[in-house]
Amino acid sequence: MLIFLLIFSGVTVAAFAFSGALSGAPEAVGARVADLEGARSPRTRGGILRSLGTLVEPMVKGLAITHKLDRQLYQVGWAWTPSEFLSACALLSLATGAIAGVVFGHPLIALAAAGLGAAVPFLQLAQKRSKVMKALNEQLPDALMLVINGLRAGNSFIQALQIVSKQMSGAIAQEFATTVSEINWGLPIETALSNLAERIGTVDIELVVAAMIVQRETGGNLSEILNNIHDTIRDRIKVAGEVQAMTAQGRMSGIVLTCLPAGIAVLFYLISPDYIKMLFIDPRGHLLIGGAIVSQLLGVYFINKIVDIKY
């Protein structure tokens, strides 16, 4: 009875926590601050998720993963703090582990399910961040061209940044609006640009920001410098598309090889359950399953390393 109570509590709290976090409904104060600074998402929350995050925050504060996770959560626009995110992951891990333990009655399966439950939010975060970063990189050349045209038309540097925030859409416009707001609040331009690079965190934006800061210190034709960087980024995007096309076969092979053992196991179970159930009953079968999972993970890792070409 206690196990079922823990399962119900864990699933309920995790469901409320994740639904509240993903809804993105801001508080009044958080919405006002977000409007003023042009942020993508307010970082003030209430309810169960904030209470759990308050308890966990002293334990994770100061860790390297906390700073990295904080930036990634901001980049994808999720309205929660690292402590809240880690709390929700822990709840989901406990809930999935308890359910698997009750259903299958084996500690190894329960442990694997708990690990999977903890990994799912991180995988979702990584997938969402990949899409956001890809969209930002694709918008950056157009934003640079607006800055270049604004400078050539006689506008000041800040006015050129304002043109991007007004005429572009999506995350790139909000990030430039935040930079303009920071400058208007009295922050040095170099610091505001460094904050822009820190928030986005891509190689292309770091190149652009470095060029802007160096030009302000040494002088030179900023529009010409940005035009050269614009051409470089365009070439990088073109090369990235070619790399994706050339590595498509390798990535598909990785997907097929990853899904094939599980598919064969399900097929054997449907055809002859008595033949394959020894893997789940005999202790030696447990070792074989564990070795197969480790081998699969290593295979996925090495295939990803092979197809992940740096350019």
Protein backbone atom coordinates (compact mmCIF):
# COMPACT_ATOMS: atom_id res chain seq x y z
CA MET A 1 0.00 0.00 0.00
CA LEU A 2 2.88 2.34 0.80
CA ILE A 3 4.50 1.66 -2.58
CA PHE A 4 1.30 2.50 -4.44
CA LEU A 5 0.94 5.67 -2.37
CA LEU A 6 4.49 6.73 -3.28
CA ILE A 7 3.81 6.01 -6.95
CA PHE A 8 0.62 8.07 -6.92
CA SER A 9 2.27 10.97 -5.09
CA GLY A 10 5.35 10.99 -7.32
CA VAL A 11 3.39 10.83 -10.57
CA THR A 12 0.92 13.50 -9.44
CA VAL A 13 3.57 15.97 -8.27
CA ALA A 14 5.73 15.37 -11.35
CA ALA A 15 2.75 15.87 -13.65
CA PHE A 16 1.79 19.15 -11.98
CA ALA A 17 5.40 20.32 -11.95
CA PHE A 18 6.03 19.62 -15.63
CA SER A 19 2.67 20.98 -16.79
CA GLY A 20 3.18 24.16 -14.79
CA ALA A 21 6.71 24.65 -16.08
CA LEU A 22 5.89 24.03 -19.72
CA SER A 23 2.80 26.24 -19.65
CA GLY A 24 5.00 29.32 -19.36
CA ALA A 25 2.26 31.38 -17.65
CA PRO A 26 4.13 34.28 -16.00
CA GLU A 27 3.27 36.05 -12.79
CA ALA A 28 2.32 39.73 -13.04
CA VAL A 29 5.68 40.99 -11.78
CA GLY A 30 7.60 38.50 -13.93
CA ALA A 31 5.65 39.52 -17.02
CA ARG A 32 6.35 43.20 -16.37
CA VAL A 33 10.08 42.61 -15.90
CA ALA A 34 10.16 40.47 -19.05
CA ASP A 35 8.47 43.24 -21.04
CA LEU A 36 10.97 45.81 -19.81
CA GLU A 37 14.11 43.82 -20.52
CA GLY A 38 12.87 41.99 -23.62
CA ALA A 39 13.53 38.58 -22.14
CA ARG A 40 12.18 35.48 -23.82
CA SER A 41 10.65 34.05 -20.67
CA PRO A 42 10.22 35.21 -17.07
CA ARG A 43 12.15 33.21 -14.51
CA THR A 44 9.71 33.68 -11.62
CA ARG A 45 7.44 30.75 -10.83
CA GLY A 46 4.97 29.79 -8.14
CA GLY A 47 3.30 26.68 -6.80
CA ILE A 48 4.72 23.20 -6.30
CA LEU A 49 7.65 23.60 -8.67
CA ARG A 50 8.98 26.70 -6.95
CA SER A 51 8.63 25.12 -3.49
CA LEU A 52 10.63 22.09 -4.56
CA GLY A 53 13.23 24.28 -6.26
CA THR A 54 13.65 26.31 -3.06
CA LEU A 55 14.47 23.14 -1.12
CA VAL A 56 16.91 21.84 -3.71
CA GLU A 57 18.62 25.14 -4.56
CA PRO A 58 21.10 25.15 -1.63
CA MET A 59 22.32 21.70 -2.66
CA VAL A 60 22.96 22.55 -6.33
CA LYS A 61 23.95 26.20 -6.00
CA GLY A 62 27.51 26.82 -7.15
CA LEU A 63 27.83 23.63 -9.20
CA ALA A 64 29.16 23.91 -12.74
CA ILE A 65 26.16 22.07 -14.16
CA THR A 66 23.83 24.62 -12.55
CA HIS A 67 25.23 27.55 -14.52
CA LYS A 68 25.20 25.56 -17.75
CA LEU A 69 21.66 24.34 -17.14
CA ASP A 70 20.49 27.86 -16.31
CA ARG A 71 21.73 29.17 -19.65
CA GLN A 72 20.18 26.27 -21.57
CA LEU A 73 16.80 26.74 -19.89
CA TYR A 74 16.88 30.42 -20.78
CA GLN A 75 17.84 29.65 -24.37
CA VAL A 76 14.83 27.37 -24.92
CA GLY A 77 12.49 29.77 -23.10
CA TRP A 78 11.43 27.38 -20.32
CA ALA A 79 10.21 29.32 -17.29
CA TRP A 80 11.96 27.44 -14.50
CA THR A 81 15.24 27.54 -12.61
CA PRO A 82 17.89 24.77 -12.58
CA SER A 83 16.84 23.66 -9.10
CA GLU A 84 13.22 23.36 -10.22
CA PHE A 85 14.23 21.41 -13.31
CA LEU A 86 16.40 18.99 -11.32
CA SER A 87 13.62 18.53 -8.75
CA ALA A 88 11.13 17.61 -11.44
CA CYS A 89 13.66 15.18 -12.97
CA ALA A 90 14.16 13.50 -9.59
CA LEU A 91 10.41 13.14 -9.09
CA LEU A 92 9.92 11.68 -12.53
CA SER A 93 12.81 9.27 -11.95
CA LEU A 94 11.34 8.05 -8.66
CA ALA A 95 7.89 7.66 -10.19
CA THR A 96 9.04 5.67 -13.24
CA GLY A 97 11.37 3.53 -11.11
CA ALA A 98 8.60 2.70 -8.64
CA ILE A 99 6.12 1.85 -11.40
CA ALA A 100 8.64 -0.40 -13.19
CA GLY A 101 9.52 -2.09 -9.89
CA VAL A 102 5.88 -2.89 -9.15
CA VAL A 103 5.06 -4.01 -12.69
CA PHE A 104 8.18 -6.10 -13.41
CA GLY A 105 9.30 -6.90 -9.88
CA HIS A 106 13.03 -6.71 -10.68
CA PRO A 107 15.43 -4.14 -9.19
CA LEU A 108 17.57 -3.86 -12.34
CA ILE A 109 14.55 -3.01 -14.49
CA ALA A 110 13.36 -0.51 -11.87
CA LEU A 111 16.82 1.09 -11.82
CA ALA A 112 16.91 1.30 -15.63
CA ALA A 113 13.43 2.84 -15.69
CA ALA A 114 14.45 5.39 -13.06
CA GLY A 115 17.49 6.36 -15.12
CA LEU A 116 15.36 6.68 -18.22
CA GLY A 117 12.85 8.84 -16.38
CA ALA A 118 15.62 11.18 -15.25
CA ALA A 119 17.15 11.32 -18.73
CA VAL A 120 13.95 12.13 -20.66
CA PRO A 121 13.74 15.81 -19.54
CA PHE A 122 17.41 16.35 -20.42
CA LEU A 123 16.89 14.77 -23.83
CA GLN A 124 13.86 16.96 -24.43
CA LEU A 125 15.84 20.02 -23.34
CA ALA A 126 18.70 19.13 -25.69
CA GLN A 127 16.32 18.58 -28.61
CA LYS A 128 14.52 21.87 -27.99
CA ARG A 129 17.81 23.75 -27.58
CA SER A 130 19.13 22.28 -30.83
CA LYS A 131 16.10 23.62 -32.72
CA VAL A 132 16.36 27.05 -31.09
CA MET A 133 20.08 27.36 -31.80
CA LYS A 134 19.55 26.27 -35.39
CA ALA A 135 16.84 28.92 -35.85
CA LEU A 136 19.09 31.58 -34.29
CA ASN A 137 22.00 30.70 -36.56
CA GLU A 138 19.76 30.83 -39.61
CA GLN A 139 18.41 34.26 -38.59
CA LEU A 140 21.81 35.73 -37.72
CA PRO A 141 22.93 36.52 -41.32
CA ASP A 142 19.71 38.45 -41.97
CA ALA A 143 20.13 40.31 -38.66
CA LEU A 144 23.71 41.18 -39.59
CA MET A 145 22.60 42.47 -42.98
CA LEU A 146 20.07 44.75 -41.26
CA VAL A 147 22.84 46.10 -39.00
CA ILE A 148 25.12 46.62 -42.02
CA ASN A 149 22.44 48.42 -44.02
CA GLY A 150 21.54 50.55 -41.01
CA LEU A 151 25.16 51.62 -40.52
CA ARG A 152 25.58 52.38 -44.22
CA ALA A 153 22.39 54.47 -44.14
CA GLY A 154 23.94 56.71 -41.47
CA ASN A 155 22.33 55.27 -38.33
CA SER A 156 24.28 54.89 -35.12
CA PHE A 157 25.31 51.47 -33.82
CA ILE A 158 22.53 51.37 -31.22
CA GLN A 159 19.96 52.44 -33.82
CA ALA A 160 21.15 49.63 -36.09
CA LEU A 161 20.61 47.16 -33.24
CA GLN A 162 17.13 48.60 -32.70
CA ILE A 163 16.31 47.98 -36.36
CA VAL A 164 17.03 44.27 -35.84
CA SER A 165 14.82 44.11 -32.74
CA LYS A 166 11.93 45.78 -34.58
CA GLN A 167 12.12 44.21 -38.04
CA MET A 168 13.20 40.67 -37.16
CA SER A 169 11.02 38.12 -35.37
CA GLY A 170 11.57 35.26 -32.97
CA ALA A 171 14.39 34.79 -30.50
CA ILE A 172 16.96 36.86 -32.40
CA ALA A 173 14.76 39.98 -32.18
CA GLN A 174 14.19 39.49 -28.46
CA GLU A 175 17.89 39.01 -27.79
CA PHE A 176 18.83 42.21 -29.63
CA ALA A 177 16.00 44.03 -27.83
CA THR A 178 17.46 42.87 -24.51
CA THR A 179 20.88 44.18 -25.56
CA VAL A 180 19.44 47.57 -26.52
CA SER A 181 17.56 47.73 -23.21
CA GLU A 182 20.75 47.00 -21.27
CA ILE A 183 22.58 49.79 -23.12
CA ASN A 184 19.71 52.21 -22.47
CA TRP A 185 19.85 51.32 -18.77
CA GLY A 186 23.46 52.51 -18.69
CA LEU A 187 25.39 49.28 -19.18
CA PRO A 188 28.59 49.72 -21.26
CA ILE A 189 28.14 48.63 -24.86
CA GLU A 190 30.98 46.11 -24.58
CA THR A 191 29.38 44.51 -21.53
CA ALA A 192 25.94 44.38 -23.18
CA LEU A 193 27.44 42.73 -26.26
CA SER A 194 29.30 40.22 -24.07
CA ASN A 195 26.01 39.41 -22.34
CA LEU A 196 24.44 38.83 -25.77
CA ALA A 197 27.14 36.31 -26.64
CA GLU A 198 26.77 34.65 -23.23
CA ARG A 199 23.00 34.28 -23.57
CA ILE A 200 23.05 32.81 -27.08
CA GLY A 201 26.30 30.90 -26.72
CA THR A 202 26.98 29.97 -30.36
CA VAL A 203 30.25 30.26 -32.25
CA ASP A 204 28.76 32.60 -34.86
CA ILE A 205 27.43 35.14 -32.38
CA GLU A 206 30.72 35.06 -30.45
CA LEU A 207 32.52 35.89 -33.70
CA VAL A 208 30.18 38.80 -34.38
CA VAL A 209 30.43 40.17 -30.84
CA ALA A 210 34.23 39.86 -30.80
CA ALA A 211 34.44 41.83 -34.05
CA MET A 212 32.15 44.56 -32.69
CA ILE A 213 34.11 44.91 -29.46
CA VAL A 214 37.50 44.96 -31.23
CA GLN A 215 36.24 47.57 -33.71
CA ARG A 216 35.08 49.82 -30.87
CA GLU A 217 38.53 49.59 -29.27
CA THR A 218 40.70 49.90 -32.38
CA GLY A 219 38.45 51.64 -34.91
CA GLY A 220 37.76 50.73 -38.50
CA ASN A 221 34.84 50.32 -40.87
CA LEU A 222 32.33 48.27 -38.87
CA SER A 223 29.96 47.72 -41.78
CA GLU A 224 32.78 46.25 -43.88
CA ILE A 225 33.91 44.00 -41.03
CA LEU A 226 30.38 42.75 -40.42
CA ASN A 227 29.90 42.19 -44.14
CA ASN A 228 32.92 39.85 -44.20
CA ILE A 229 31.60 38.01 -41.14
CA HIS A 230 28.18 37.80 -42.81
CA ASP A 231 29.73 36.05 -45.81
CA THR A 232 31.64 33.70 -43.49
CA ILE A 233 28.49 32.72 -41.60
CA ARG A 234 26.62 32.16 -44.87
CA ASP A 235 29.39 29.82 -45.99
CA ARG A 236 29.27 27.99 -42.63
CA ILE A 237 25.52 27.43 -43.00
CA LYS A 238 26.05 26.11 -46.53
CA VAL A 239 28.78 23.72 -45.35
CA ALA A 240 26.54 22.59 -42.48
CA GLY A 241 23.82 21.61 -44.96
CA GLU A 242 26.33 19.67 -47.05
CA VAL A 243 27.63 17.87 -43.96
CA GLN A 244 24.07 16.93 -42.95
CA ALA A 245 23.46 15.47 -46.40
CA MET A 246 26.74 13.55 -46.48
CA THR A 247 26.25 12.04 -42.99
CA ALA A 248 22.57 11.16 -43.45
CA GLN A 249 23.39 7.52 -44.24
CA GLY A 250 25.56 7.17 -41.14
CA ARG A 251 22.90 8.68 -38.91
CA MET A 252 20.24 6.42 -40.38
CA SER A 253 22.50 3.40 -39.82
CA GLY A 254 22.82 4.40 -36.17
CA ILE A 255 19.05 4.61 -35.77
CA VAL A 256 18.49 1.24 -37.46
CA LEU A 257 21.21 -0.52 -35.45
CA THR A 258 19.84 0.95 -32.23
CA CYS A 259 16.25 -0.13 -32.85
CA LEU A 260 17.04 -3.51 -34.42
CA PRO A 261 17.82 -5.54 -31.23
CA ALA A 262 14.70 -4.31 -29.44
CA GLY A 263 12.58 -5.04 -32.52
CA ILE A 264 13.97 -8.56 -32.83
CA ALA A 265 13.34 -9.17 -29.10
CA VAL A 266 9.70 -8.10 -29.46
CA LEU A 267 9.32 -10.30 -32.55
CA PHE A 268 10.71 -13.34 -30.74
CA TYR A 269 8.42 -12.66 -27.80
CA LEU A 270 5.39 -12.62 -30.10
CA ILE A 271 6.44 -15.76 -31.98
CA SER A 272 7.86 -17.85 -29.16
CA PRO A 273 7.57 -16.34 -25.66
CA ASP A 274 9.05 -19.42 -23.96
CA TYR A 275 12.21 -19.12 -26.04
CA ILE A 276 13.09 -15.57 -25.00
CA LYS A 277 11.68 -15.40 -21.48
CA MET A 278 14.82 -17.11 -20.16
CA LEU A 279 16.61 -13.80 -20.67
CA PHE A 280 14.33 -12.25 -18.04
CA ILE A 281 14.21 -15.22 -15.66
CA ASP A 282 17.76 -16.58 -15.62
CA PRO A 283 20.41 -14.40 -13.88
CA ARG A 284 22.75 -14.99 -16.80
CA GLY A 285 20.10 -13.48 -19.05
CA HIS A 286 20.15 -10.35 -16.92
CA LEU A 287 23.89 -10.06 -17.46
CA LEU A 288 23.41 -10.49 -21.21
CA ILE A 289 20.72 -7.80 -21.29
CA GLY A 290 22.93 -5.44 -19.31
CA GLY A 291 25.89 -6.10 -21.63
CA ALA A 292 23.69 -5.56 -24.68
CA ILE A 293 22.43 -2.21 -23.35
CA VAL A 294 25.98 -1.05 -22.59
CA SER A 295 27.12 -2.13 -26.07
CA GLN A 296 24.20 -0.29 -27.66
CA LEU A 297 25.02 2.91 -25.79
CA LEU A 298 28.68 2.67 -26.79
CA GLY A 299 27.68 2.06 -30.40
CA VAL A 300 25.39 5.08 -30.45
CA TYR A 301 28.14 7.22 -28.91
CA PHE A 302 30.80 6.21 -31.45
CA ILE A 303 28.43 6.54 -34.43
CA ASN A 304 27.49 10.05 -33.28
CA LYS A 305 31.18 10.90 -32.95
CA ILE A 306 31.86 9.65 -36.48
CA VAL A 307 29.04 11.62 -38.12
CA ASP A 308 29.59 14.76 -35.99
CA ILE A 309 31.98 16.52 -38.35
CA LYS A 310 33.47 19.80 -37.18
CA TYR A 311 33.59 22.51 -39.80
